[in-house]
Amino acid sequence: MSTIPKSVKLGNHVAIEQDVMIGENVVIGHHTTILRGTEIGDNVTIGCNCVLGIEPSVNERMRKTFKANNGLVIQCGTRIGHLVSIYSGTSIGENVFIGDHAGIRENVSIGAESVIGRAAIVELNTTIGKSCTVQTNAYITGDTTLEDRVFIGPCVSMSNDKYMGAKPYSLKGPYIKTGAKIGNNASLLPGITIGVNTVIGAGAVVTRNMEDGIVAAGVPARKIPS
């Protein structure tokens, strides 16, 4: 059985599967589907035409993934826009904002008060810290870490496969440390580290590690002398 308090407001044609837990004062928009095992905290708002708690699936050519042991967890005060897809096995912290058309894969953790912008994509096995901003159309590749207060500009792109499938490689996305800022349309290569409070300029291509507290720009990205 699913638990739905009287204070919950449901739009038209909302589908809620078994074993779903919903907190007080939750609002769910029209035509949204909440799949088995999802937990939703108090005062969460979910837009129309969302699908939450999707079980991952693959074909023979795709990267093998796991069947989530835990359902999707959405903590109190989070706001989710329209046409959002979020997979099972992911945890969304308190007071997170997720924009329209965003997609968040399995085994992702998003810390409290972070913002995931419109049409942003967050791939599997990724950790996003507290008070981060991922802006419109940014692509956060799988196996990536964003520490707290990281800013990712619009249309930033990342990769986690050094050889683009040509030979075996342990997939590893960028590691972006606390307070770093990545300008719009920058590209980050697999496995690189961006240091604490470092700023990467718009359109840069980051091919190697960047130390703490610098400004870097260009193709390839290099430290700009202060």
C-alpha atoms as a PDB file:
ATOM      1  CA  MET A   1       0.000   0.000   0.000  1.00  0.00           C
ATOM      2  CA  SER A   2       1.049   3.608  -0.617  1.00  0.00           C
ATOM      3  CA  THR A   3       0.764   6.303   2.042  1.00  0.00           C
ATOM      4  CA  ILE A   4      -0.975   9.493   0.857  1.00  0.00           C
ATOM      5  CA  PRO A   5      -1.980  12.024   3.550  1.00  0.00           C
ATOM      6  CA  LYS A   6      -5.148  14.087   3.164  1.00  0.00           C
ATOM      7  CA  SER A   7      -3.060  17.264   2.810  1.00  0.00           C
ATOM      8  CA  VAL A   8      -1.590  16.041  -0.522  1.00  0.00           C
ATOM      9  CA  LYS A   9      -2.929  17.809  -3.628  1.00  0.00           C
ATOM     10  CA  LEU A  10      -3.094  15.620  -6.729  1.00  0.00           C
ATOM     11  CA  GLY A  11      -3.603  16.892 -10.277  1.00  0.00           C
ATOM     12  CA  ASN A  12      -5.663  15.113 -12.881  1.00  0.00           C
ATOM     13  CA  HIS A  13      -4.591  11.619 -13.977  1.00  0.00           C
ATOM     14  CA  VAL A  14      -1.739  11.224 -11.463  1.00  0.00           C
ATOM     15  CA  ALA A  15      -0.524   7.603 -11.247  1.00  0.00           C
ATOM     16  CA  ILE A  16       0.979   6.371  -7.962  1.00  0.00           C
ATOM     17  CA  GLU A  17       2.243   2.781  -7.730  1.00  0.00           C
ATOM     18  CA  GLN A  18       2.382   0.594  -4.643  1.00  0.00           C
ATOM     19  CA  ASP A  19       4.961   1.132  -1.859  1.00  0.00           C
ATOM     20  CA  VAL A  20       5.170   4.906  -2.349  1.00  0.00           C
ATOM     21  CA  MET A  21       5.452   7.158   0.709  1.00  0.00           C
ATOM     22  CA  ILE A  22       4.330  10.781   0.429  1.00  0.00           C
ATOM     23  CA  GLY A  23       4.683  13.420   3.152  1.00  0.00           C
ATOM     24  CA  GLU A  24       2.378  16.243   4.197  1.00  0.00           C
ATOM     25  CA  ASN A  25       1.415  19.180   1.970  1.00  0.00           C
ATOM     26  CA  VAL A  26       2.877  17.682  -1.205  1.00  0.00           C
ATOM     27  CA  VAL A  27       1.590  18.984  -4.554  1.00  0.00           C
ATOM     28  CA  ILE A  28       1.749  16.722  -7.635  1.00  0.00           C
ATOM     29  CA  GLY A  29       0.862  18.072 -11.088  1.00  0.00           C
ATOM     30  CA  HIS A  30      -1.312  16.616 -13.818  1.00  0.00           C
ATOM     31  CA  HIS A  31      -0.296  13.366 -15.558  1.00  0.00           C
ATOM     32  CA  THR A  32       2.710  12.724 -13.301  1.00  0.00           C
ATOM     33  CA  THR A  33       3.712   9.121 -12.489  1.00  0.00           C
ATOM     34  CA  ILE A  34       5.281   8.129  -9.153  1.00  0.00           C
ATOM     35  CA  LEU A  35       6.784   4.644  -9.419  1.00  0.00           C
ATOM     36  CA  ARG A  36       7.198   1.918  -6.818  1.00  0.00           C
ATOM     37  CA  GLY A  37       9.492   2.541  -3.845  1.00  0.00           C
ATOM     38  CA  THR A  38       9.634   6.341  -4.127  1.00  0.00           C
ATOM     39  CA  GLU A  39       9.715   8.401  -0.909  1.00  0.00           C
ATOM     40  CA  ILE A  40       8.651  12.051  -0.981  1.00  0.00           C
ATOM     41  CA  GLY A  41       9.138  14.341   2.022  1.00  0.00           C
ATOM     42  CA  ASP A  42       6.907  17.121   3.326  1.00  0.00           C
ATOM     43  CA  ASN A  43       6.191  20.301   1.344  1.00  0.00           C
ATOM     44  CA  VAL A  44       7.521  18.954  -1.964  1.00  0.00           C
ATOM     45  CA  THR A  45       6.092  20.367  -5.208  1.00  0.00           C
ATOM     46  CA  ILE A  46       6.189  18.251  -8.387  1.00  0.00           C
ATOM     47  CA  GLY A  47       5.137  19.585 -11.792  1.00  0.00           C
ATOM     48  CA  CYS A  48       3.099  18.023 -14.576  1.00  0.00           C
ATOM     49  CA  ASN A  49       4.123  15.071 -16.772  1.00  0.00           C
ATOM     50  CA  CYS A  50       7.011  13.931 -14.562  1.00  0.00           C
ATOM     51  CA  VAL A  51       8.139  10.325 -14.126  1.00  0.00           C
ATOM     52  CA  LEU A  52       9.836   9.650 -10.778  1.00  0.00           C
ATOM     53  CA  GLY A  53      11.494   6.427  -9.611  1.00  0.00           C
ATOM     54  CA  ILE A  54      12.401   4.896 -13.003  1.00  0.00           C
ATOM     55  CA  GLU A  55      14.217   1.567 -12.900  1.00  0.00           C
ATOM     56  CA  PRO A  56      17.340   1.652 -15.134  1.00  0.00           C
ATOM     57  CA  SER A  57      17.584  -0.568 -18.196  1.00  0.00           C
ATOM     58  CA  VAL A  58      20.222  -1.186 -20.910  1.00  0.00           C
ATOM     59  CA  ASN A  59      20.854  -3.118 -24.103  1.00  0.00           C
ATOM     60  CA  GLU A  60      23.897  -5.254 -24.987  1.00  0.00           C
ATOM     61  CA  ARG A  61      25.984  -2.328 -26.265  1.00  0.00           C
ATOM     62  CA  MET A  62      25.293   0.002 -23.369  1.00  0.00           C
ATOM     63  CA  ARG A  63      27.171   0.258 -20.114  1.00  0.00           C
ATOM     64  CA  LYS A  64      25.899  -2.267 -17.601  1.00  0.00           C
ATOM     65  CA  THR A  65      24.164  -0.669 -14.652  1.00  0.00           C
ATOM     66  CA  PHE A  66      22.671  -1.974 -11.451  1.00  0.00           C
ATOM     67  CA  LYS A  67      19.115  -2.628 -10.384  1.00  0.00           C
ATOM     68  CA  ALA A  68      18.556  -0.095  -7.633  1.00  0.00           C
ATOM     69  CA  ASN A  69      18.191  -1.630  -4.199  1.00  0.00           C
ATOM     70  CA  ASN A  70      16.644   1.561  -2.877  1.00  0.00           C
ATOM     71  CA  GLY A  71      13.914   3.700  -4.315  1.00  0.00           C
ATOM     72  CA  LEU A  72      14.081   7.359  -5.198  1.00  0.00           C
ATOM     73  CA  VAL A  73      14.177   9.642  -2.132  1.00  0.00           C
ATOM     74  CA  ILE A  74      13.103  13.296  -2.400  1.00  0.00           C
ATOM     75  CA  GLN A  75      13.548  15.233   0.822  1.00  0.00           C
ATOM     76  CA  CYS A  76      11.454  18.037   2.281  1.00  0.00           C
ATOM     77  CA  GLY A  77      10.889  21.334   0.518  1.00  0.00           C
ATOM     78  CA  THR A  78      12.219  20.307  -2.897  1.00  0.00           C
ATOM     79  CA  ARG A  79      10.577  21.753  -5.999  1.00  0.00           C
ATOM     80  CA  ILE A  80      10.519  19.792  -9.266  1.00  0.00           C
ATOM     81  CA  GLY A  81       9.455  21.368 -12.557  1.00  0.00           C
ATOM     82  CA  HIS A  82       7.478  19.903 -15.452  1.00  0.00           C
ATOM     83  CA  LEU A  83       8.524  16.960 -17.661  1.00  0.00           C
ATOM     84  CA  VAL A  84      11.297  15.850 -15.289  1.00  0.00           C
ATOM     85  CA  SER A  85      12.611  12.258 -15.208  1.00  0.00           C
ATOM     86  CA  ILE A  86      14.412  10.930 -12.118  1.00  0.00           C
ATOM     87  CA  TYR A  87      15.615   7.342 -11.683  1.00  0.00           C
ATOM     88  CA  SER A  88      15.373   4.973  -8.737  1.00  0.00           C
ATOM     89  CA  GLY A  89      18.316   4.708  -6.335  1.00  0.00           C
ATOM     90  CA  THR A  90      18.857   8.485  -6.301  1.00  0.00           C
ATOM     91  CA  SER A  91      18.644  10.845  -3.329  1.00  0.00           C
ATOM     92  CA  ILE A  92      17.556  14.482  -3.619  1.00  0.00           C
ATOM     93  CA  GLY A  93      18.293  16.667  -0.568  1.00  0.00           C
ATOM     94  CA  GLU A  94      16.156  19.294   1.152  1.00  0.00           C
ATOM     95  CA  ASN A  95      15.070  22.445  -0.669  1.00  0.00           C
ATOM     96  CA  VAL A  96      16.586  21.445  -4.021  1.00  0.00           C
ATOM     97  CA  PHE A  97      15.197  23.048  -7.180  1.00  0.00           C
ATOM     98  CA  ILE A  98      15.009  20.974 -10.388  1.00  0.00           C
ATOM     99  CA  GLY A  99      14.000  22.808 -13.558  1.00  0.00           C
ATOM    100  CA  ASP A 100      11.681  21.720 -16.362  1.00  0.00           C
ATOM    101  CA  HIS A 101      12.855  18.914 -18.685  1.00  0.00           C
ATOM    102  CA  ALA A 102      15.783  17.914 -16.435  1.00  0.00           C
ATOM    103  CA  GLY A 103      16.915  14.278 -16.315  1.00  0.00           C
ATOM    104  CA  ILE A 104      18.642  12.641 -13.346  1.00  0.00           C
ATOM    105  CA  ARG A 105      19.903   9.063 -13.560  1.00  0.00           C
ATOM    106  CA  GLU A 106      20.309   6.318 -10.937  1.00  0.00           C
ATOM    107  CA  ASN A 107      22.733   6.334  -7.991  1.00  0.00           C
ATOM    108  CA  VAL A 108      22.946  10.136  -7.925  1.00  0.00           C
ATOM    109  CA  SER A 109      23.111  12.228  -4.760  1.00  0.00           C
ATOM    110  CA  ILE A 110      22.181  15.921  -4.781  1.00  0.00           C
ATOM    111  CA  GLY A 111      22.832  17.971  -1.647  1.00  0.00           C
ATOM    112  CA  ALA A 112      20.530  20.434   0.070  1.00  0.00           C
ATOM    113  CA  GLU A 113      19.616  23.724  -1.633  1.00  0.00           C
ATOM    114  CA  SER A 114      21.274  22.876  -4.942  1.00  0.00           C
ATOM    115  CA  VAL A 115      19.773  23.975  -8.263  1.00  0.00           C
ATOM    116  CA  ILE A 116      19.556  21.750 -11.348  1.00  0.00           C
ATOM    117  CA  GLY A 117      18.601  23.959 -14.278  1.00  0.00           C
ATOM    118  CA  ARG A 118      16.175  23.562 -17.122  1.00  0.00           C
ATOM    119  CA  ALA A 119      17.011  20.608 -19.409  1.00  0.00           C
ATOM    120  CA  ALA A 120      20.205  19.804 -17.479  1.00  0.00           C
ATOM    121  CA  ILE A 121      21.297  16.150 -17.489  1.00  0.00           C
ATOM    122  CA  VAL A 122      22.933  14.420 -14.505  1.00  0.00           C
ATOM    123  CA  GLU A 123      24.232  10.951 -15.340  1.00  0.00           C
ATOM    124  CA  LEU A 124      24.601   7.903 -13.072  1.00  0.00           C
ATOM    125  CA  ASN A 125      26.963   7.477 -10.109  1.00  0.00           C
ATOM    126  CA  THR A 126      27.369  11.226  -9.632  1.00  0.00           C
ATOM    127  CA  THR A 127      27.581  13.200  -6.393  1.00  0.00           C
ATOM    128  CA  ILE A 128      26.542  16.853  -6.243  1.00  0.00           C
ATOM    129  CA  GLY A 129      27.156  18.673  -2.966  1.00  0.00           C
ATOM    130  CA  LYS A 130      25.214  21.359  -1.104  1.00  0.00           C
ATOM    131  CA  SER A 131      24.299  24.745  -2.619  1.00  0.00           C
ATOM    132  CA  CYS A 132      25.569  23.863  -6.099  1.00  0.00           C
ATOM    133  CA  THR A 133      24.198  25.413  -9.293  1.00  0.00           C
ATOM    134  CA  VAL A 134      23.987  23.451 -12.543  1.00  0.00           C
ATOM    135  CA  GLN A 135      22.565  25.770 -15.177  1.00  0.00           C
ATOM    136  CA  THR A 136      20.440  25.283 -18.279  1.00  0.00           C
ATOM    137  CA  ASN A 137      21.442  22.497 -20.703  1.00  0.00           C
ATOM    138  CA  ALA A 138      24.562  21.521 -18.744  1.00  0.00           C
ATOM    139  CA  TYR A 139      25.674  17.898 -19.091  1.00  0.00           C
ATOM    140  CA  ILE A 140      27.101  16.277 -15.944  1.00  0.00           C
ATOM    141  CA  THR A 141      28.616  12.993 -17.088  1.00  0.00           C
ATOM    142  CA  GLY A 142      28.530   9.794 -15.062  1.00  0.00           C
ATOM    143  CA  ASP A 143      31.005   9.150 -12.233  1.00  0.00           C
ATOM    144  CA  THR A 144      31.465  12.865 -11.519  1.00  0.00           C
ATOM    145  CA  THR A 145      31.841  14.665  -8.183  1.00  0.00           C
ATOM    146  CA  LEU A 146      30.874  18.253  -7.447  1.00  0.00           C
ATOM    147  CA  GLU A 147      31.761  19.358  -3.931  1.00  0.00           C
ATOM    148  CA  ASP A 148      29.765  22.120  -2.200  1.00  0.00           C
ATOM    149  CA  ARG A 149      28.983  25.524  -3.771  1.00  0.00           C
ATOM    150  CA  VAL A 150      30.157  24.586  -7.261  1.00  0.00           C
ATOM    151  CA  PHE A 151      28.777  26.630 -10.181  1.00  0.00           C
ATOM    152  CA  ILE A 152      28.317  24.996 -13.594  1.00  0.00           C
ATOM    153  CA  GLY A 153      27.360  27.425 -16.365  1.00  0.00           C
ATOM    154  CA  PRO A 154      24.931  26.868 -19.233  1.00  0.00           C
ATOM    155  CA  CYS A 155      25.826  24.215 -21.801  1.00  0.00           C
ATOM    156  CA  VAL A 156      28.942  22.984 -19.964  1.00  0.00           C
ATOM    157  CA  SER A 157      29.877  19.492 -21.191  1.00  0.00           C
ATOM    158  CA  MET A 158      31.858  16.733 -19.465  1.00  0.00           C
ATOM    159  CA  SER A 159      33.121  13.284 -20.440  1.00  0.00           C
ATOM    160  CA  ASN A 160      34.098  10.174 -18.495  1.00  0.00           C
ATOM    161  CA  ASP A 161      35.521   7.833 -21.175  1.00  0.00           C
ATOM    162  CA  LYS A 162      39.087   8.737 -22.179  1.00  0.00           C
ATOM    163  CA  TYR A 163      39.105   6.405 -25.192  1.00  0.00           C
ATOM    164  CA  MET A 164      35.493   6.894 -26.330  1.00  0.00           C
ATOM    165  CA  GLY A 165      34.804   3.170 -26.167  1.00  0.00           C
ATOM    166  CA  ALA A 166      37.820   2.158 -28.269  1.00  0.00           C
ATOM    167  CA  LYS A 167      39.403   0.150 -25.450  1.00  0.00           C
ATOM    168  CA  PRO A 168      38.738  -0.728 -21.794  1.00  0.00           C
ATOM    169  CA  TYR A 169      38.869   2.212 -19.406  1.00  0.00           C
ATOM    170  CA  SER A 170      37.648   2.704 -15.841  1.00  0.00           C
ATOM    171  CA  LEU A 171      35.048   5.425 -16.360  1.00  0.00           C
ATOM    172  CA  LYS A 172      35.764   8.557 -14.347  1.00  0.00           C
ATOM    173  CA  GLY A 173      34.244  11.995 -14.727  1.00  0.00           C
ATOM    174  CA  PRO A 174      35.700  15.284 -13.477  1.00  0.00           C
ATOM    175  CA  TYR A 175      36.201  16.019  -9.779  1.00  0.00           C
ATOM    176  CA  ILE A 176      35.265  19.643  -9.071  1.00  0.00           C
ATOM    177  CA  LYS A 177      36.217  20.998  -5.665  1.00  0.00           C
ATOM    178  CA  THR A 178      34.406  23.398  -3.339  1.00  0.00           C
ATOM    179  CA  GLY A 179      33.559  26.825  -4.716  1.00  0.00           C
ATOM    180  CA  ALA A 180      34.873  26.227  -8.242  1.00  0.00           C
ATOM    181  CA  LYS A 181      33.083  27.957 -11.123  1.00  0.00           C
ATOM    182  CA  ILE A 182      32.891  26.649 -14.687  1.00  0.00           C
ATOM    183  CA  GLY A 183      31.913  29.150 -17.414  1.00  0.00           C
ATOM    184  CA  ASN A 184      29.329  28.509 -20.095  1.00  0.00           C
ATOM    185  CA  ASN A 185      30.164  26.111 -22.940  1.00  0.00           C
ATOM    186  CA  ALA A 186      33.356  24.864 -21.268  1.00  0.00           C
ATOM    187  CA  SER A 187      34.350  21.224 -21.902  1.00  0.00           C
ATOM    188  CA  LEU A 188      35.920  19.053 -19.189  1.00  0.00           C
ATOM    189  CA  LEU A 189      37.818  15.885 -20.125  1.00  0.00           C
ATOM    190  CA  PRO A 190      37.672  12.607 -18.142  1.00  0.00           C
ATOM    191  CA  GLY A 191      39.315  12.313 -14.747  1.00  0.00           C
ATOM    192  CA  ILE A 192      40.519  15.908 -14.398  1.00  0.00           C
ATOM    193  CA  THR A 193      40.358  17.807 -11.082  1.00  0.00           C
ATOM    194  CA  ILE A 194      39.341  21.458 -10.731  1.00  0.00           C
ATOM    195  CA  GLY A 195      40.766  23.040  -7.565  1.00  0.00           C
ATOM    196  CA  VAL A 196      39.040  24.885  -4.724  1.00  0.00           C
ATOM    197  CA  ASN A 197      37.608  28.279  -5.800  1.00  0.00           C
ATOM    198  CA  THR A 198      39.160  27.971  -9.268  1.00  0.00           C
ATOM    199  CA  VAL A 199      37.393  29.715 -12.156  1.00  0.00           C
ATOM    200  CA  ILE A 200      37.298  28.198 -15.651  1.00  0.00           C
ATOM    201  CA  GLY A 201      36.466  30.675 -18.413  1.00  0.00           C
ATOM    202  CA  ALA A 202      33.676  30.342 -20.945  1.00  0.00           C
ATOM    203  CA  GLY A 203      34.447  28.015 -23.860  1.00  0.00           C
ATOM    204  CA  ALA A 204      37.586  26.561 -22.258  1.00  0.00           C
ATOM    205  CA  VAL A 205      38.657  22.975 -22.878  1.00  0.00           C
ATOM    206  CA  VAL A 206      40.113  21.535 -19.677  1.00  0.00           C
ATOM    207  CA  THR A 207      42.538  18.708 -20.491  1.00  0.00           C
ATOM    208  CA  ARG A 208      44.526  18.520 -17.227  1.00  0.00           C
ATOM    209  CA  ASN A 209      44.190  19.199 -13.495  1.00  0.00           C
ATOM    210  CA  MET A 210      43.761  22.793 -12.356  1.00  0.00           C
ATOM    211  CA  GLU A 211      45.221  23.926  -9.026  1.00  0.00           C
ATOM    212  CA  ASP A 212      43.324  25.775  -6.286  1.00  0.00           C
ATOM    213  CA  GLY A 213      42.387  29.433  -6.520  1.00  0.00           C
ATOM    214  CA  ILE A 214      43.336  30.225 -10.118  1.00  0.00           C
ATOM    215  CA  VAL A 215      41.605  31.546 -13.230  1.00  0.00           C
ATOM    216  CA  ALA A 216      42.097  29.462 -16.371  1.00  0.00           C
ATOM    217  CA  ALA A 217      40.834  29.886 -19.923  1.00  0.00           C
ATOM    218  CA  GLY A 218      41.539  28.885 -23.510  1.00  0.00           C
ATOM    219  CA  VAL A 219      41.933  25.772 -25.641  1.00  0.00           C
ATOM    220  CA  PRO A 220      43.510  23.947 -23.953  1.00  0.00           C
ATOM    221  CA  ALA A 221      42.784  25.757 -20.690  1.00  0.00           C
ATOM    222  CA  ARG A 222      45.806  27.429 -19.080  1.00  0.00           C
ATOM    223  CA  LYS A 223      46.284  29.527 -15.958  1.00  0.00           C
ATOM    224  CA  ILE A 224      45.885  33.252 -16.578  1.00  0.00           C
ATOM    225  CA  PRO A 225      48.633  35.238 -14.822  1.00  0.00           C
ATOM    226  CA  SER A 226      47.304  37.442 -12.035  1.00  0.00           C
END
